[in-house]
Amino acid sequence: MILNAIECHTTLKKNFNNFDLIIFLADKIAWDQSGTPPYLKDLNNALQDSPRKAALVYIDYLLSHNPLIIHPWLLAAQKQLII
């Protein structure tokens, strides 16, 4: 279970479990750059409703900034979160 969560901590994946989701969100909150993540306020607000909504906030933020590469796991997770 722990190794599965580590495997998808940056992208999440289809058929994720709650532990995967929490590790994914922790990775997004623990910004690896200086300053505060630009999406953090919205992510924290969404987290008040659910971790699923918070994950969507990050994914939507990422996809709205024209990434050069989009991992297929991320898109599969997004689809599952929307349902």
PDB file of N, CA and C in Angstrom:
ATOM      1  N   MET A   1       0.822  -1.184   0.000  1.00  0.00           N
ATOM      2  CA  MET A   1       0.000   0.000   0.000  1.00  0.00           C
ATOM      3  C   MET A   1       0.872   1.256   0.000  1.00  0.00           C
ATOM      4  N   ILE A   2       1.884   1.290   0.818  1.00  0.00           N
ATOM      5  CA  ILE A   2       2.754   2.464   0.882  1.00  0.00           C
ATOM      6  C   ILE A   2       3.511   2.642  -0.426  1.00  0.00           C
ATOM      7  N   LEU A   3       4.026   1.562  -0.973  1.00  0.00           N
ATOM      8  CA  LEU A   3       4.760   1.673  -2.231  1.00  0.00           C
ATOM      9  C   LEU A   3       3.852   2.113  -3.370  1.00  0.00           C
ATOM     10  N   ASN A   4       2.608   1.661  -3.366  1.00  0.00           N
ATOM     11  CA  ASN A   4       1.656   2.102  -4.393  1.00  0.00           C
ATOM     12  C   ASN A   4       1.416   3.602  -4.297  1.00  0.00           C
ATOM     13  N   ALA A   5       1.277   4.114  -3.086  1.00  0.00           N
ATOM     14  CA  ALA A   5       1.058   5.549  -2.895  1.00  0.00           C
ATOM     15  C   ALA A   5       2.281   6.350  -3.324  1.00  0.00           C
ATOM     16  N   ILE A   6       3.466   5.836  -3.036  1.00  0.00           N
ATOM     17  CA  ILE A   6       4.691   6.518  -3.450  1.00  0.00           C
ATOM     18  C   ILE A   6       4.791   6.539  -4.976  1.00  0.00           C
ATOM     19  N   GLU A   7       4.382   5.445  -5.585  1.00  0.00           N
ATOM     20  CA  GLU A   7       4.444   5.336  -7.038  1.00  0.00           C
ATOM     21  C   GLU A   7       3.648   6.444  -7.739  1.00  0.00           C
ATOM     22  N   CYS A   8       2.536   6.837  -7.151  1.00  0.00           N
ATOM     23  CA  CYS A   8       1.665   7.815  -7.824  1.00  0.00           C
ATOM     24  C   CYS A   8       1.571   9.137  -7.067  1.00  0.00           C
ATOM     25  N   HIS A   9       2.539   9.447  -6.224  1.00  0.00           N
ATOM     26  CA  HIS A   9       2.442  10.662  -5.414  1.00  0.00           C
ATOM     27  C   HIS A   9       2.485  11.951  -6.235  1.00  0.00           C
ATOM     28  N   THR A  10       3.033  11.910  -7.433  1.00  0.00           N
ATOM     29  CA  THR A  10       3.066  13.124  -8.248  1.00  0.00           C
ATOM     30  C   THR A  10       1.940  13.193  -9.268  1.00  0.00           C
ATOM     31  N   THR A  11       1.345  12.049  -9.610  1.00  0.00           N
ATOM     32  CA  THR A  11       0.350  12.027 -10.678  1.00  0.00           C
ATOM     33  C   THR A  11      -1.019  11.516 -10.249  1.00  0.00           C
ATOM     34  N   LEU A  12      -1.077  10.809  -9.120  1.00  0.00           N
ATOM     35  CA  LEU A  12      -2.250  10.024  -8.763  1.00  0.00           C
ATOM     36  C   LEU A  12      -2.437   8.992  -9.867  1.00  0.00           C
ATOM     37  N   LYS A  13      -3.487   8.215  -9.840  1.00  0.00           N
ATOM     38  CA  LYS A  13      -3.724   7.215 -10.879  1.00  0.00           C
ATOM     39  C   LYS A  13      -5.164   6.739 -10.785  1.00  0.00           C
ATOM     40  N   LYS A  14      -5.574   6.017 -11.798  1.00  0.00           N
ATOM     41  CA  LYS A  14      -6.913   5.441 -11.819  1.00  0.00           C
ATOM     42  C   LYS A  14      -7.026   4.417 -10.681  1.00  0.00           C
ATOM     43  N   ASN A  15      -8.207   4.318 -10.129  1.00  0.00           N
ATOM     44  CA  ASN A  15      -8.485   3.372  -9.038  1.00  0.00           C
ATOM     45  C   ASN A  15      -7.632   3.636  -7.803  1.00  0.00           C
ATOM     46  N   PHE A  16      -7.380   4.917  -7.528  1.00  0.00           N
ATOM     47  CA  PHE A  16      -6.624   5.293  -6.342  1.00  0.00           C
ATOM     48  C   PHE A  16      -7.440   4.974  -5.087  1.00  0.00           C
ATOM     49  N   ASN A  17      -6.755   4.828  -3.976  1.00  0.00           N
ATOM     50  CA  ASN A  17      -7.446   4.665  -2.697  1.00  0.00           C
ATOM     51  C   ASN A  17      -7.214   5.930  -1.867  1.00  0.00           C
ATOM     52  N   ASN A  18      -7.800   5.973  -0.687  1.00  0.00           N
ATOM     53  CA  ASN A  18      -7.683   7.179   0.145  1.00  0.00           C
ATOM     54  C   ASN A  18      -6.238   7.485   0.521  1.00  0.00           C
ATOM     55  N   PHE A  19      -5.454   6.457   0.770  1.00  0.00           N
ATOM     56  CA  PHE A  19      -4.048   6.677   1.124  1.00  0.00           C
ATOM     57  C   PHE A  19      -3.303   7.303  -0.057  1.00  0.00           C
ATOM     58  N   ASP A  20      -3.535   6.807  -1.266  1.00  0.00           N
ATOM     59  CA  ASP A  20      -2.928   7.394  -2.465  1.00  0.00           C
ATOM     60  C   ASP A  20      -3.296   8.871  -2.578  1.00  0.00           C
ATOM     61  N   LEU A  21      -4.565   9.163  -2.336  1.00  0.00           N
ATOM     62  CA  LEU A  21      -5.065  10.534  -2.450  1.00  0.00           C
ATOM     63  C   LEU A  21      -4.409  11.456  -1.426  1.00  0.00           C
ATOM     64  N   ILE A  22      -4.281  10.993  -0.196  1.00  0.00           N
ATOM     65  CA  ILE A  22      -3.666  11.809   0.857  1.00  0.00           C
ATOM     66  C   ILE A  22      -2.185  12.066   0.561  1.00  0.00           C
ATOM     67  N   ILE A  23      -1.479  11.052   0.101  1.00  0.00           N
ATOM     68  CA  ILE A  23      -0.054  11.230  -0.232  1.00  0.00           C
ATOM     69  C   ILE A  23       0.085  12.183  -1.423  1.00  0.00           C
ATOM     70  N   PHE A  24      -0.792  12.072  -2.400  1.00  0.00           N
ATOM     71  CA  PHE A  24      -0.789  12.986  -3.547  1.00  0.00           C
ATOM     72  C   PHE A  24      -0.980  14.426  -3.079  1.00  0.00           C
ATOM     73  N   LEU A  25      -1.965  14.650  -2.223  1.00  0.00           N
ATOM     74  CA  LEU A  25      -2.220  16.006  -1.724  1.00  0.00           C
ATOM     75  C   LEU A  25      -1.064  16.518  -0.870  1.00  0.00           C
ATOM     76  N   ALA A  26      -0.487  15.661  -0.059  1.00  0.00           N
ATOM     77  CA  ALA A  26       0.658  16.073   0.759  1.00  0.00           C
ATOM     78  C   ALA A  26       1.818  16.523  -0.133  1.00  0.00           C
ATOM     79  N   ASP A  27       2.006  15.832  -1.249  1.00  0.00           N
ATOM     80  CA  ASP A  27       3.059  16.202  -2.183  1.00  0.00           C
ATOM     81  C   ASP A  27       2.800  17.584  -2.779  1.00  0.00           C
ATOM     82  N   LYS A  28       1.548  17.897  -3.027  1.00  0.00           N
ATOM     83  CA  LYS A  28       1.213  19.195  -3.626  1.00  0.00           C
ATOM     84  C   LYS A  28       1.283  20.331  -2.602  1.00  0.00           C
ATOM     85  N   ILE A  29       0.989  20.020  -1.349  1.00  0.00           N
ATOM     86  CA  ILE A  29       1.068  21.027  -0.288  1.00  0.00           C
ATOM     87  C   ILE A  29       2.528  21.302   0.070  1.00  0.00           C
ATOM     88  N   ALA A  30       3.350  20.257   0.073  1.00  0.00           N
ATOM     89  CA  ALA A  30       4.779  20.397   0.382  1.00  0.00           C
ATOM     90  C   ALA A  30       5.519  20.825  -0.889  1.00  0.00           C
ATOM     91  N   TRP A  31       5.315  22.044  -1.281  1.00  0.00           N
ATOM     92  CA  TRP A  31       5.884  22.673  -2.478  1.00  0.00           C
ATOM     93  C   TRP A  31       7.395  22.538  -2.490  1.00  0.00           C
ATOM     94  N   ASP A  32       7.980  22.146  -3.600  1.00  0.00           N
ATOM     95  CA  ASP A  32       9.428  21.964  -3.687  1.00  0.00           C
ATOM     96  C   ASP A  32      10.137  23.193  -4.259  1.00  0.00           C
ATOM     97  N   GLN A  33       9.435  24.313  -4.295  1.00  0.00           N
ATOM     98  CA  GLN A  33      10.024  25.559  -4.767  1.00  0.00           C
ATOM     99  C   GLN A  33       9.929  26.594  -3.656  1.00  0.00           C
ATOM    100  N   SER A  34      10.556  27.722  -3.854  1.00  0.00           N
ATOM    101  CA  SER A  34      10.478  28.758  -2.817  1.00  0.00           C
ATOM    102  C   SER A  34       9.098  29.411  -2.842  1.00  0.00           C
ATOM    103  N   GLY A  35       8.705  29.922  -1.708  1.00  0.00           N
ATOM    104  CA  GLY A  35       7.421  30.597  -1.619  1.00  0.00           C
ATOM    105  C   GLY A  35       6.263  29.627  -1.408  1.00  0.00           C
ATOM    106  N   THR A  36       5.071  30.151  -1.570  1.00  0.00           N
ATOM    107  CA  THR A  36       3.845  29.388  -1.360  1.00  0.00           C
ATOM    108  C   THR A  36       3.296  28.934  -2.703  1.00  0.00           C
ATOM    109  N   PRO A  37       2.793  27.705  -2.785  1.00  0.00           N
ATOM    110  CA  PRO A  37       2.193  27.267  -4.046  1.00  0.00           C
ATOM    111  C   PRO A  37       1.042  28.194  -4.442  1.00  0.00           C
ATOM    112  N   PRO A  38       0.958  28.589  -5.698  1.00  0.00           N
ATOM    113  CA  PRO A  38      -0.076  29.530  -6.122  1.00  0.00           C
ATOM    114  C   PRO A  38      -1.500  28.976  -5.995  1.00  0.00           C
ATOM    115  N   TYR A  39      -1.636  27.676  -5.926  1.00  0.00           N
ATOM    116  CA  TYR A  39      -2.946  27.033  -5.832  1.00  0.00           C
ATOM    117  C   TYR A  39      -3.318  26.654  -4.400  1.00  0.00           C
ATOM    118  N   LEU A  40      -2.437  26.928  -3.441  1.00  0.00           N
ATOM    119  CA  LEU A  40      -2.604  26.415  -2.078  1.00  0.00           C
ATOM    120  C   LEU A  40      -3.887  26.896  -1.402  1.00  0.00           C
ATOM    121  N   LYS A  41      -4.213  28.167  -1.545  1.00  0.00           N
ATOM    122  CA  LYS A  41      -5.422  28.683  -0.901  1.00  0.00           C
ATOM    123  C   LYS A  41      -6.666  27.955  -1.425  1.00  0.00           C
ATOM    124  N   ASP A  42      -6.760  27.816  -2.739  1.00  0.00           N
ATOM    125  CA  ASP A  42      -7.910  27.124  -3.330  1.00  0.00           C
ATOM    126  C   ASP A  42      -7.930  25.644  -2.938  1.00  0.00           C
ATOM    127  N   LEU A  43      -6.752  25.023  -2.901  1.00  0.00           N
ATOM    128  CA  LEU A  43      -6.665  23.620  -2.506  1.00  0.00           C
ATOM    129  C   LEU A  43      -7.141  23.444  -1.061  1.00  0.00           C
ATOM    130  N   ASN A  44      -6.671  24.310  -0.168  1.00  0.00           N
ATOM    131  CA  ASN A  44      -7.087  24.219   1.240  1.00  0.00           C
ATOM    132  C   ASN A  44      -8.582  24.466   1.409  1.00  0.00           C
ATOM    133  N   ASN A  45      -9.125  25.409   0.656  1.00  0.00           N
ATOM    134  CA  ASN A  45     -10.564  25.651   0.717  1.00  0.00           C
ATOM    135  C   ASN A  45     -11.341  24.427   0.250  1.00  0.00           C
ATOM    136  N   ALA A  46     -10.909  23.822  -0.838  1.00  0.00           N
ATOM    137  CA  ALA A  46     -11.573  22.623  -1.355  1.00  0.00           C
ATOM    138  C   ALA A  46     -11.422  21.455  -0.385  1.00  0.00           C
ATOM    139  N   LEU A  47     -10.302  21.410   0.303  1.00  0.00           N
ATOM    140  CA  LEU A  47     -10.059  20.331   1.263  1.00  0.00           C
ATOM    141  C   LEU A  47     -11.073  20.354   2.399  1.00  0.00           C
ATOM    142  N   GLN A  48     -11.654  21.521   2.663  1.00  0.00           N
ATOM    143  CA  GLN A  48     -12.703  21.610   3.686  1.00  0.00           C
ATOM    144  C   GLN A  48     -13.926  20.786   3.273  1.00  0.00           C
ATOM    145  N   ASP A  49     -14.140  20.648   1.968  1.00  0.00           N
ATOM    146  CA  ASP A  49     -15.241  19.832   1.458  1.00  0.00           C
ATOM    147  C   ASP A  49     -14.838  18.364   1.344  1.00  0.00           C
ATOM    148  N   SER A  50     -13.711  18.121   0.654  1.00  0.00           N
ATOM    149  CA  SER A  50     -13.257  16.736   0.498  1.00  0.00           C
ATOM    150  C   SER A  50     -11.868  16.698  -0.131  1.00  0.00           C
ATOM    151  N   PRO A  51     -11.116  15.644   0.146  1.00  0.00           N
ATOM    152  CA  PRO A  51      -9.815  15.471  -0.511  1.00  0.00           C
ATOM    153  C   PRO A  51      -9.959  15.334  -2.030  1.00  0.00           C
ATOM    154  N   ARG A  52     -11.043  14.753  -2.480  1.00  0.00           N
ATOM    155  CA  ARG A  52     -11.270  14.600  -3.925  1.00  0.00           C
ATOM    156  C   ARG A  52     -11.365  15.972  -4.594  1.00  0.00           C
ATOM    157  N   LYS A  53     -12.113  16.891  -3.998  1.00  0.00           N
ATOM    158  CA  LYS A  53     -12.230  18.239  -4.556  1.00  0.00           C
ATOM    159  C   LYS A  53     -10.887  18.950  -4.537  1.00  0.00           C
ATOM    160  N   ALA A  54     -10.130  18.744  -3.488  1.00  0.00           N
ATOM    161  CA  ALA A  54      -8.807  19.365  -3.391  1.00  0.00           C
ATOM    162  C   ALA A  54      -7.880  18.846  -4.489  1.00  0.00           C
ATOM    163  N   ALA A  55      -7.930  17.557  -4.752  1.00  0.00           N
ATOM    164  CA  ALA A  55      -7.106  16.986  -5.816  1.00  0.00           C
ATOM    165  C   ALA A  55      -7.487  17.577  -7.168  1.00  0.00           C
ATOM    166  N   LEU A  56      -8.776  17.764  -7.390  1.00  0.00           N
ATOM    167  CA  LEU A  56      -9.226  18.372  -8.644  1.00  0.00           C
ATOM    168  C   LEU A  56      -8.741  19.808  -8.776  1.00  0.00           C
ATOM    169  N   VAL A  57      -8.692  20.531  -7.683  1.00  0.00           N
ATOM    170  CA  VAL A  57      -8.176  21.902  -7.723  1.00  0.00           C
ATOM    171  C   VAL A  57      -6.755  21.900  -8.257  1.00  0.00           C
ATOM    172  N   TYR A  58      -5.913  21.013  -7.727  1.00  0.00           N
ATOM    173  CA  TYR A  58      -4.528  20.965  -8.195  1.00  0.00           C
ATOM    174  C   TYR A  58      -4.452  20.543  -9.661  1.00  0.00           C
ATOM    175  N   ILE A  59      -5.175  19.488 -10.011  1.00  0.00           N
ATOM    176  CA  ILE A  59      -5.121  18.986 -11.388  1.00  0.00           C
ATOM    177  C   ILE A  59      -5.609  20.059 -12.360  1.00  0.00           C
ATOM    178  N   ASP A  60      -6.694  20.730 -12.024  1.00  0.00           N
ATOM    179  CA  ASP A  60      -7.195  21.805 -12.883  1.00  0.00           C
ATOM    180  C   ASP A  60      -6.173  22.940 -13.005  1.00  0.00           C
ATOM    181  N   TYR A  61      -5.533  23.273 -11.887  1.00  0.00           N
ATOM    182  CA  TYR A  61      -4.488  24.306 -11.912  1.00  0.00           C
ATOM    183  C   TYR A  61      -3.366  23.885 -12.876  1.00  0.00           C
ATOM    184  N   LEU A  62      -2.893  22.670 -12.706  1.00  0.00           N
ATOM    185  CA  LEU A  62      -1.797  22.185 -13.536  1.00  0.00           C
ATOM    186  C   LEU A  62      -2.165  22.213 -15.012  1.00  0.00           C
ATOM    187  N   LEU A  63      -3.319  21.667 -15.353  1.00  0.00           N
ATOM    188  CA  LEU A  63      -3.711  21.578 -16.753  1.00  0.00           C
ATOM    189  C   LEU A  63      -4.003  22.949 -17.366  1.00  0.00           C
ATOM    190  N   SER A  64      -4.366  23.915 -16.552  1.00  0.00           N
ATOM    191  CA  SER A  64      -4.635  25.261 -17.068  1.00  0.00           C
ATOM    192  C   SER A  64      -3.357  26.047 -17.366  1.00  0.00           C
ATOM    193  N   HIS A  65      -2.218  25.481 -16.993  1.00  0.00           N
ATOM    194  CA  HIS A  65      -0.941  26.156 -17.225  1.00  0.00           C
ATOM    195  C   HIS A  65      -0.117  25.498 -18.329  1.00  0.00           C
ATOM    196  N   ASN A  66      -0.801  24.845 -19.235  1.00  0.00           N
ATOM    197  CA  ASN A  66      -0.190  24.286 -20.445  1.00  0.00           C
ATOM    198  C   ASN A  66       1.089  23.478 -20.195  1.00  0.00           C
ATOM    199  N   PRO A  67       0.989  22.393 -19.438  1.00  0.00           N
ATOM    200  CA  PRO A  67       2.190  21.585 -19.212  1.00  0.00           C
ATOM    201  C   PRO A  67       2.679  20.973 -20.525  1.00  0.00           C
ATOM    202  N   LEU A  68       3.983  20.796 -20.621  1.00  0.00           N
ATOM    203  CA  LEU A  68       4.560  20.212 -21.828  1.00  0.00           C
ATOM    204  C   LEU A  68       4.211  18.736 -21.963  1.00  0.00           C
ATOM    205  N   ILE A  69       4.152  18.067 -20.821  1.00  0.00           N
ATOM    206  CA  ILE A  69       3.837  16.635 -20.798  1.00  0.00           C
ATOM    207  C   ILE A  69       2.756  16.402 -19.760  1.00  0.00           C
ATOM    208  N   ILE A  70       1.759  15.613 -20.130  1.00  0.00           N
ATOM    209  CA  ILE A  70       0.696  15.252 -19.197  1.00  0.00           C
ATOM    210  C   ILE A  70       0.707  13.737 -19.053  1.00  0.00           C
ATOM    211  N   HIS A  71       0.962  13.290 -17.843  1.00  0.00           N
ATOM    212  CA  HIS A  71       1.014  11.851 -17.600  1.00  0.00           C
ATOM    213  C   HIS A  71      -0.392  11.266 -17.746  1.00  0.00           C
ATOM    214  N   PRO A  72      -0.536  10.151 -18.453  1.00  0.00           N
ATOM    215  CA  PRO A  72      -1.859   9.546 -18.619  1.00  0.00           C
ATOM    216  C   PRO A  72      -2.515   9.151 -17.300  1.00  0.00           C
ATOM    217  N   TRP A  73      -1.711   8.839 -16.282  1.00  0.00           N
ATOM    218  CA  TRP A  73      -2.292   8.515 -14.970  1.00  0.00           C
ATOM    219  C   TRP A  73      -3.039   9.718 -14.408  1.00  0.00           C
ATOM    220  N   LEU A  74      -2.483  10.914 -14.606  1.00  0.00           N
ATOM    221  CA  LEU A  74      -3.119  12.126 -14.104  1.00  0.00           C
ATOM    222  C   LEU A  74      -4.491  12.321 -14.749  1.00  0.00           C
ATOM    223  N   LEU A  75      -4.564  12.116 -16.053  1.00  0.00           N
ATOM    224  CA  LEU A  75      -5.838  12.265 -16.754  1.00  0.00           C
ATOM    225  C   LEU A  75      -6.842  11.206 -16.320  1.00  0.00           C
ATOM    226  N   ALA A  76      -6.373   9.989 -16.082  1.00  0.00           N
ATOM    227  CA  ALA A  76      -7.257   8.920 -15.615  1.00  0.00           C
ATOM    228  C   ALA A  76      -7.783   9.237 -14.216  1.00  0.00           C
ATOM    229  N   ALA A  77      -6.917   9.765 -13.365  1.00  0.00           N
ATOM    230  CA  ALA A  77      -7.340  10.143 -12.013  1.00  0.00           C
ATOM    231  C   ALA A  77      -8.341  11.294 -12.076  1.00  0.00           C
ATOM    232  N   GLN A  78      -8.080  12.276 -12.934  1.00  0.00           N
ATOM    233  CA  GLN A  78      -9.002  13.398 -13.088  1.00  0.00           C
ATOM    234  C   GLN A  78     -10.388  12.905 -13.487  1.00  0.00           C
ATOM    235  N   LYS A  79     -10.428  12.012 -14.438  1.00  0.00           N
ATOM    236  CA  LYS A  79     -11.707  11.460 -14.904  1.00  0.00           C
ATOM    237  C   LYS A  79     -12.441  10.760 -13.756  1.00  0.00           C
ATOM    238  N   GLN A  80     -11.719  10.011 -12.979  1.00  0.00           N
ATOM    239  CA  GLN A  80     -12.323   9.299 -11.843  1.00  0.00           C
ATOM    240  C   GLN A  80     -12.792  10.277 -10.763  1.00  0.00           C
ATOM    241  N   LEU A  81     -12.057  11.336 -10.549  1.00  0.00           N
ATOM    242  CA  LEU A  81     -12.445  12.332  -9.532  1.00  0.00           C
ATOM    243  C   LEU A  81     -13.710  13.080  -9.936  1.00  0.00           C
ATOM    244  N   ILE A  82     -13.887  13.304 -11.212  1.00  0.00           N
ATOM    245  CA  ILE A  82     -15.049  14.044 -11.709  1.00  0.00           C
ATOM    246  C   ILE A  82     -16.339  13.226 -11.559  1.00  0.00           C
ATOM    247  N   ILE A  83     -16.219  11.943 -11.701  1.00  0.00           N
ATOM    248  CA  ILE A  83     -17.406  11.065 -11.642  1.00  0.00           C
ATOM    249  C   ILE A  83     -17.975  11.034 -10.251  1.00  0.00           C
TER     250      ILE A  83
END
